[in-house]
Structures are given as structure tokens and as C-alpha cells.
């Protein structure tokens, strides 16, 4: 699992007010950053860190869609996964639907170019 450092000072990228469910998700990320993350170490295969990526996804796409994006990123953060710069997408895949939530995520790191991939 990806360990995260302190929150970055990057500008918040969202298209409007953050929904209440997304705020609850952001609260869980805050709790993780101030508890479990401190014991797991502070390093991540990706930039931005997995928790910052998930927080940005929640702010931009809401709890359901952003949560699936974040889950796919966390599951990619493993010794056999890719690494490097991986920002949240500007838009969601055209074939993604709320009832097919796995289509929101980027599950294998194939979207990273060789120049971005640290392997």
C-alpha cells in the first residue's frame, strides 16, 4: 500500500463546491494522514501521493467516481506497479457509468508513458 507524506501545497483542482459525501471521504483521508500514515512511513511510488491523488479525485469527481479512481490508484501502488508522475485525469472515460464503477479507474498504469514511468 502506498504511504503518504504530508499534504502538498498544490492548488485545489475542482470544478465547484465539494459535496457532503466527498467531504466525508476527505475527512477519512485526513484521519489516515494523521494516524496510520505516520506509522507506515512516508514515501510513495507516484507523484502526487496516493492520498493527495484520491483527495483531488474526490474534490473533482465526487465520492463515488473519485473514490473508484482513488481505489484504482491505491491498488496500483505496489512493488510490481508502475511509478512516476500520475495526476488525476481531466475527464472520466466515455464508457464509465455509475453502475459500472470499475470503468472509472485506471487499474494497470498503462496510461503512463515510458518517460513518466520510473521502471
N, C-alpha and C. Protein backbone atom coordinates (compact mmCIF):
# COMPACT_ATOMS: atom_id res chain seq x y z
N UNK A 1 0.84 -1.17 0.00
CA UNK A 1 0.00 0.00 0.00
C UNK A 1 0.88 1.24 0.00
N UNK A 2 0.40 2.27 -0.55
CA UNK A 2 1.18 3.49 -0.70
C UNK A 2 1.20 4.28 0.61
N UNK A 3 2.36 4.69 1.02
CA UNK A 3 2.47 5.54 2.19
C UNK A 3 2.62 6.99 1.72
N UNK A 4 1.99 7.88 2.44
CA UNK A 4 1.95 9.26 2.00
C UNK A 4 2.64 10.19 2.97
N UNK A 5 3.18 11.24 2.41
CA UNK A 5 3.79 12.28 3.21
C UNK A 5 2.76 13.31 3.59
N UNK A 6 3.22 14.43 4.09
CA UNK A 6 2.30 15.48 4.47
C UNK A 6 1.60 16.04 3.24
N UNK A 7 0.43 16.64 3.42
CA UNK A 7 -0.29 17.17 2.28
C UNK A 7 0.53 18.21 1.54
N UNK A 8 0.42 18.18 0.23
CA UNK A 8 1.18 19.14 -0.56
C UNK A 8 0.47 20.49 -0.57
N UNK A 9 1.17 21.50 -0.98
CA UNK A 9 0.58 22.83 -1.04
C UNK A 9 0.09 23.12 -2.45
N UNK A 10 -0.19 22.07 -3.23
CA UNK A 10 -0.66 22.29 -4.59
C UNK A 10 -2.05 22.91 -4.56
N UNK A 11 -2.37 23.69 -5.59
CA UNK A 11 -3.68 24.32 -5.61
C UNK A 11 -4.77 23.25 -5.72
N UNK A 12 -5.90 23.52 -5.13
CA UNK A 12 -7.01 22.59 -5.17
C UNK A 12 -7.66 22.66 -6.55
N UNK A 13 -7.81 21.50 -7.18
CA UNK A 13 -8.35 21.46 -8.52
C UNK A 13 -9.74 20.84 -8.46
N UNK A 14 -10.77 21.66 -8.45
CA UNK A 14 -12.12 21.12 -8.52
C UNK A 14 -12.99 22.11 -9.27
N UNK A 15 -14.10 21.61 -9.74
CA UNK A 15 -14.95 22.39 -10.61
C UNK A 15 -16.10 23.07 -9.90
N UNK A 16 -16.18 23.01 -8.61
CA UNK A 16 -17.27 23.63 -7.89
C UNK A 16 -17.26 23.22 -6.44
N UNK A 17 -18.38 23.42 -5.76
CA UNK A 17 -18.44 23.05 -4.36
C UNK A 17 -18.30 21.54 -4.18
N UNK A 18 -17.67 21.16 -3.11
CA UNK A 18 -17.45 19.75 -2.81
C UNK A 18 -18.68 19.22 -2.07
N UNK A 19 -19.21 18.09 -2.52
CA UNK A 19 -20.42 17.52 -1.93
C UNK A 19 -20.15 17.02 -0.51
N UNK A 20 -21.21 16.84 0.24
CA UNK A 20 -21.08 16.35 1.60
C UNK A 20 -20.46 14.95 1.64
N UNK A 21 -20.88 13.99 0.79
CA UNK A 21 -20.22 12.69 0.81
C UNK A 21 -18.72 12.78 0.49
N UNK A 22 -18.36 13.65 -0.45
CA UNK A 22 -16.94 13.83 -0.78
C UNK A 22 -16.20 14.43 0.40
N UNK A 23 -16.83 15.33 1.13
CA UNK A 23 -16.20 15.89 2.33
C UNK A 23 -15.95 14.82 3.38
N UNK A 24 -16.87 13.88 3.50
CA UNK A 24 -16.67 12.77 4.43
C UNK A 24 -15.48 11.92 4.00
N UNK A 25 -15.36 11.68 2.70
CA UNK A 25 -14.20 10.95 2.19
C UNK A 25 -12.91 11.71 2.45
N UNK A 26 -12.93 13.03 2.28
CA UNK A 26 -11.75 13.85 2.57
C UNK A 26 -11.40 13.79 4.05
N UNK A 27 -12.44 13.71 4.90
CA UNK A 27 -12.20 13.57 6.33
C UNK A 27 -11.51 12.25 6.67
N UNK A 28 -11.90 11.18 5.99
CA UNK A 28 -11.24 9.89 6.20
C UNK A 28 -9.78 9.94 5.75
N UNK A 29 -9.51 10.64 4.66
CA UNK A 29 -8.13 10.80 4.20
C UNK A 29 -7.33 11.58 5.23
N UNK A 30 -7.92 12.62 5.80
CA UNK A 30 -7.25 13.42 6.83
C UNK A 30 -6.90 12.53 8.03
N UNK A 31 -7.86 11.70 8.44
CA UNK A 31 -7.60 10.80 9.57
C UNK A 31 -6.46 9.85 9.23
N UNK A 32 -6.46 9.29 8.02
CA UNK A 32 -5.38 8.39 7.59
C UNK A 32 -4.03 9.10 7.64
N UNK A 33 -3.99 10.32 7.11
CA UNK A 33 -2.72 11.07 7.08
C UNK A 33 -2.17 11.36 8.46
N UNK A 34 -3.05 11.52 9.43
CA UNK A 34 -2.63 11.87 10.77
C UNK A 34 -2.59 10.69 11.73
N UNK A 35 -2.76 9.49 11.22
CA UNK A 35 -2.69 8.32 12.10
C UNK A 35 -1.88 7.21 11.43
N UNK A 36 -2.49 6.43 10.62
CA UNK A 36 -1.86 5.26 10.02
C UNK A 36 -0.65 5.61 9.16
N UNK A 37 -0.73 6.67 8.42
CA UNK A 37 0.37 7.08 7.55
C UNK A 37 1.66 7.35 8.33
N UNK A 38 1.52 7.85 9.54
CA UNK A 38 2.70 8.16 10.35
C UNK A 38 3.47 6.89 10.72
N UNK A 39 2.78 5.77 10.84
CA UNK A 39 3.42 4.52 11.22
C UNK A 39 3.92 3.71 10.02
N UNK A 40 3.35 3.96 8.85
CA UNK A 40 3.71 3.18 7.67
C UNK A 40 4.92 3.74 6.93
N UNK A 41 5.31 4.94 7.24
CA UNK A 41 6.42 5.56 6.52
C UNK A 41 5.89 6.58 5.54
N UNK A 42 6.78 7.40 5.06
CA UNK A 42 6.36 8.49 4.19
C UNK A 42 7.09 8.41 2.85
N UNK A 43 6.51 7.68 1.95
CA UNK A 43 7.06 7.56 0.62
C UNK A 43 6.02 6.96 -0.29
N UNK A 44 6.05 7.32 -1.53
CA UNK A 44 5.06 6.82 -2.48
C UNK A 44 5.72 6.62 -3.83
N UNK A 45 5.26 5.65 -4.57
CA UNK A 45 5.78 5.35 -5.91
C UNK A 45 5.38 6.42 -6.91
N UNK A 46 4.33 7.15 -6.60
CA UNK A 46 3.76 8.11 -7.53
C UNK A 46 3.84 9.54 -7.00
N UNK A 47 3.73 10.47 -7.89
CA UNK A 47 3.55 11.87 -7.54
C UNK A 47 2.31 12.34 -8.31
N UNK A 48 1.36 12.94 -7.69
CA UNK A 48 1.21 13.17 -6.26
C UNK A 48 0.97 11.87 -5.51
N UNK A 49 1.11 11.92 -4.21
CA UNK A 49 0.95 10.72 -3.38
C UNK A 49 -0.46 10.16 -3.56
N UNK A 50 -0.64 8.93 -3.14
CA UNK A 50 -1.94 8.27 -3.31
C UNK A 50 -3.06 9.00 -2.56
N UNK A 51 -2.78 9.49 -1.36
CA UNK A 51 -3.83 10.19 -0.62
C UNK A 51 -4.15 11.54 -1.27
N UNK A 52 -3.14 12.23 -1.77
CA UNK A 52 -3.40 13.51 -2.45
C UNK A 52 -4.15 13.28 -3.76
N UNK A 53 -3.81 12.22 -4.49
CA UNK A 53 -4.49 11.86 -5.72
C UNK A 53 -5.97 11.58 -5.42
N UNK A 54 -6.22 10.78 -4.39
CA UNK A 54 -7.60 10.44 -4.04
C UNK A 54 -8.36 11.68 -3.58
N UNK A 55 -7.72 12.53 -2.80
CA UNK A 55 -8.37 13.77 -2.35
C UNK A 55 -8.71 14.66 -3.55
N UNK A 56 -7.80 14.80 -4.50
CA UNK A 56 -8.08 15.59 -5.70
C UNK A 56 -9.22 14.98 -6.50
N UNK A 57 -9.24 13.64 -6.61
CA UNK A 57 -10.30 12.95 -7.35
C UNK A 57 -11.65 13.16 -6.66
N UNK A 58 -11.68 13.11 -5.32
CA UNK A 58 -12.92 13.35 -4.60
C UNK A 58 -13.41 14.77 -4.80
N UNK A 59 -12.50 15.73 -4.77
CA UNK A 59 -12.89 17.13 -4.98
C UNK A 59 -13.44 17.36 -6.38
N UNK A 60 -12.84 16.72 -7.36
CA UNK A 60 -13.22 16.97 -8.75
C UNK A 60 -14.42 16.14 -9.20
N UNK A 61 -14.47 14.85 -8.79
CA UNK A 61 -15.48 13.95 -9.34
C UNK A 61 -16.50 13.46 -8.31
N UNK A 62 -16.35 13.80 -7.03
CA UNK A 62 -17.30 13.34 -6.02
C UNK A 62 -16.87 12.03 -5.41
N UNK A 63 -17.64 11.57 -4.42
CA UNK A 63 -17.26 10.39 -3.65
C UNK A 63 -17.28 9.11 -4.48
N UNK A 64 -18.33 8.86 -5.25
CA UNK A 64 -18.46 7.60 -5.97
C UNK A 64 -17.39 7.47 -7.07
N UNK A 65 -17.37 8.40 -7.99
CA UNK A 65 -16.42 8.32 -9.11
C UNK A 65 -14.99 8.57 -8.65
N UNK A 66 -14.78 9.58 -7.82
CA UNK A 66 -13.45 9.88 -7.30
C UNK A 66 -12.92 8.78 -6.40
N UNK A 67 -13.82 8.15 -5.65
CA UNK A 67 -13.43 7.04 -4.79
C UNK A 67 -12.92 5.85 -5.60
N UNK A 68 -13.56 5.55 -6.71
CA UNK A 68 -13.10 4.46 -7.57
C UNK A 68 -11.77 4.79 -8.23
N UNK A 69 -11.60 6.05 -8.62
CA UNK A 69 -10.29 6.47 -9.16
C UNK A 69 -9.20 6.29 -8.10
N UNK A 70 -9.50 6.72 -6.88
CA UNK A 70 -8.53 6.58 -5.80
C UNK A 70 -8.22 5.13 -5.47
N UNK A 71 -9.25 4.29 -5.45
CA UNK A 71 -9.04 2.86 -5.18
C UNK A 71 -8.15 2.24 -6.23
N UNK A 72 -8.37 2.58 -7.49
CA UNK A 72 -7.53 2.01 -8.56
C UNK A 72 -6.08 2.45 -8.39
N UNK A 73 -5.86 3.69 -7.97
CA UNK A 73 -4.50 4.19 -7.76
C UNK A 73 -3.84 3.48 -6.59
N UNK A 74 -4.56 3.31 -5.49
CA UNK A 74 -4.01 2.64 -4.30
C UNK A 74 -3.64 1.19 -4.63
N UNK A 75 -4.47 0.52 -5.39
CA UNK A 75 -4.17 -0.87 -5.76
C UNK A 75 -3.01 -0.97 -6.74
N UNK A 76 -2.78 0.08 -7.54
CA UNK A 76 -1.62 0.09 -8.44
C UNK A 76 -0.32 0.35 -7.69
N UNK A 77 -0.40 0.90 -6.51
CA UNK A 77 0.78 1.27 -5.75
C UNK A 77 1.31 0.04 -5.02
N UNK A 78 2.05 -0.77 -5.75
CA UNK A 78 2.60 -2.00 -5.20
C UNK A 78 3.96 -2.24 -5.85
N UNK A 79 4.74 -3.17 -5.35
CA UNK A 79 6.09 -3.38 -5.89
C UNK A 79 6.12 -3.74 -7.37
N UNK A 80 5.03 -4.27 -7.91
CA UNK A 80 5.02 -4.65 -9.33
C UNK A 80 4.34 -3.61 -10.19
N UNK A 81 3.88 -2.52 -9.59
CA UNK A 81 3.17 -1.48 -10.33
C UNK A 81 4.11 -0.48 -10.97
N UNK A 82 3.52 0.41 -11.71
CA UNK A 82 4.28 1.49 -12.34
C UNK A 82 4.65 2.53 -11.28
N UNK A 83 5.34 3.57 -11.70
CA UNK A 83 5.67 4.67 -10.80
C UNK A 83 5.88 5.92 -11.64
N UNK A 84 5.96 7.06 -10.97
CA UNK A 84 6.20 8.32 -11.67
C UNK A 84 5.07 9.30 -11.47
N UNK A 85 5.04 10.31 -12.32
CA UNK A 85 4.04 11.37 -12.24
C UNK A 85 2.72 10.86 -12.81
N UNK A 86 1.65 10.94 -12.01
CA UNK A 86 0.35 10.40 -12.39
C UNK A 86 -0.75 11.28 -11.82
N UNK A 87 -1.09 12.39 -12.47
CA UNK A 87 -2.16 13.25 -11.96
C UNK A 87 -3.53 12.66 -12.26
N UNK A 88 -4.57 13.19 -11.61
CA UNK A 88 -5.92 12.71 -11.91
C UNK A 88 -6.26 13.11 -13.35
N UNK A 89 -7.11 12.32 -14.00
CA UNK A 89 -7.46 12.65 -15.38
C UNK A 89 -8.32 13.91 -15.45
N UNK A 90 -8.26 14.58 -16.59
CA UNK A 90 -9.10 15.77 -16.79
C UNK A 90 -10.57 15.40 -16.92
N UNK A 91 -10.82 14.21 -17.50
CA UNK A 91 -12.19 13.75 -17.65
C UNK A 91 -12.23 12.25 -17.43
N UNK A 92 -13.41 11.74 -17.22
CA UNK A 92 -13.60 10.31 -16.98
C UNK A 92 -13.75 9.58 -18.32
N UNK A 93 -13.49 8.28 -18.36
CA UNK A 93 -13.67 7.52 -19.59
C UNK A 93 -15.11 7.60 -20.10
N UNK A 94 -15.27 7.62 -21.41
CA UNK A 94 -16.60 7.76 -22.00
C UNK A 94 -17.50 6.57 -21.70
N UNK A 95 -16.92 5.38 -21.50
CA UNK A 95 -17.73 4.19 -21.26
C UNK A 95 -18.03 3.96 -19.78
N UNK A 96 -17.63 4.85 -18.89
CA UNK A 96 -17.86 4.70 -17.45
C UNK A 96 -19.30 5.09 -17.11
N UNK A 97 -19.93 4.29 -16.31
CA UNK A 97 -21.29 4.54 -15.82
C UNK A 97 -21.32 4.27 -14.32
N UNK A 98 -22.28 4.87 -13.62
CA UNK A 98 -22.36 4.69 -12.18
C UNK A 98 -22.56 3.23 -11.81
N UNK A 99 -23.25 2.46 -12.66
CA UNK A 99 -23.50 1.06 -12.37
C UNK A 99 -22.37 0.14 -12.87
N UNK A 100 -21.35 0.70 -13.49
CA UNK A 100 -20.13 0.00 -13.89
C UNK A 100 -18.93 0.76 -13.33
N UNK A 101 -18.82 0.88 -12.01
CA UNK A 101 -17.85 1.79 -11.40
C UNK A 101 -16.40 1.43 -11.67
N UNK A 102 -16.09 0.17 -11.93
CA UNK A 102 -14.71 -0.22 -12.18
C UNK A 102 -14.17 0.43 -13.45
N UNK A 103 -15.03 0.93 -14.30
CA UNK A 103 -14.57 1.59 -15.52
C UNK A 103 -14.03 3.00 -15.25
N UNK A 104 -14.29 3.55 -14.08
CA UNK A 104 -13.73 4.86 -13.73
C UNK A 104 -12.23 4.79 -13.50
N UNK A 105 -11.77 3.69 -12.96
CA UNK A 105 -10.39 3.58 -12.52
C UNK A 105 -9.40 3.28 -13.64
N UNK A 106 -8.15 3.58 -13.35
CA UNK A 106 -7.01 3.22 -14.21
C UNK A 106 -6.28 2.12 -13.44
N UNK A 107 -6.49 0.89 -13.82
CA UNK A 107 -6.10 -0.24 -12.98
C UNK A 107 -4.69 -0.75 -13.22
N UNK A 108 -4.05 -0.42 -14.34
CA UNK A 108 -2.76 -1.07 -14.62
C UNK A 108 -1.59 -0.14 -14.89
N UNK A 109 -1.74 1.12 -14.93
CA UNK A 109 -0.64 2.03 -15.16
C UNK A 109 -0.25 2.17 -16.62
N UNK A 110 -1.04 1.57 -17.53
CA UNK A 110 -0.71 1.65 -18.96
C UNK A 110 -0.85 3.07 -19.51
N UNK A 111 -1.55 3.94 -18.81
CA UNK A 111 -1.72 5.31 -19.26
C UNK A 111 -0.45 6.15 -19.08
N UNK A 112 0.50 5.64 -18.29
CA UNK A 112 1.76 6.35 -18.09
C UNK A 112 2.69 6.07 -19.27
N UNK A 113 3.32 7.10 -19.79
CA UNK A 113 4.27 6.89 -20.88
C UNK A 113 5.58 6.41 -20.31
N UNK A 114 6.45 5.89 -21.16
CA UNK A 114 7.77 5.41 -20.70
C UNK A 114 8.57 6.51 -20.03
N UNK A 115 8.41 7.75 -20.49
CA UNK A 115 9.13 8.86 -19.87
C UNK A 115 8.66 9.15 -18.47
N UNK A 116 7.39 8.84 -18.18
CA UNK A 116 6.86 9.07 -16.85
C UNK A 116 7.08 7.88 -15.94
N UNK A 117 7.18 6.72 -16.50
CA UNK A 117 7.27 5.51 -15.71
C UNK A 117 8.69 5.35 -15.18
N UNK A 118 8.81 5.17 -13.89
CA UNK A 118 10.13 5.11 -13.26
C UNK A 118 10.80 3.75 -13.32
N UNK A 119 10.22 2.80 -14.05
CA UNK A 119 10.81 1.46 -14.10
C UNK A 119 11.89 1.36 -15.13
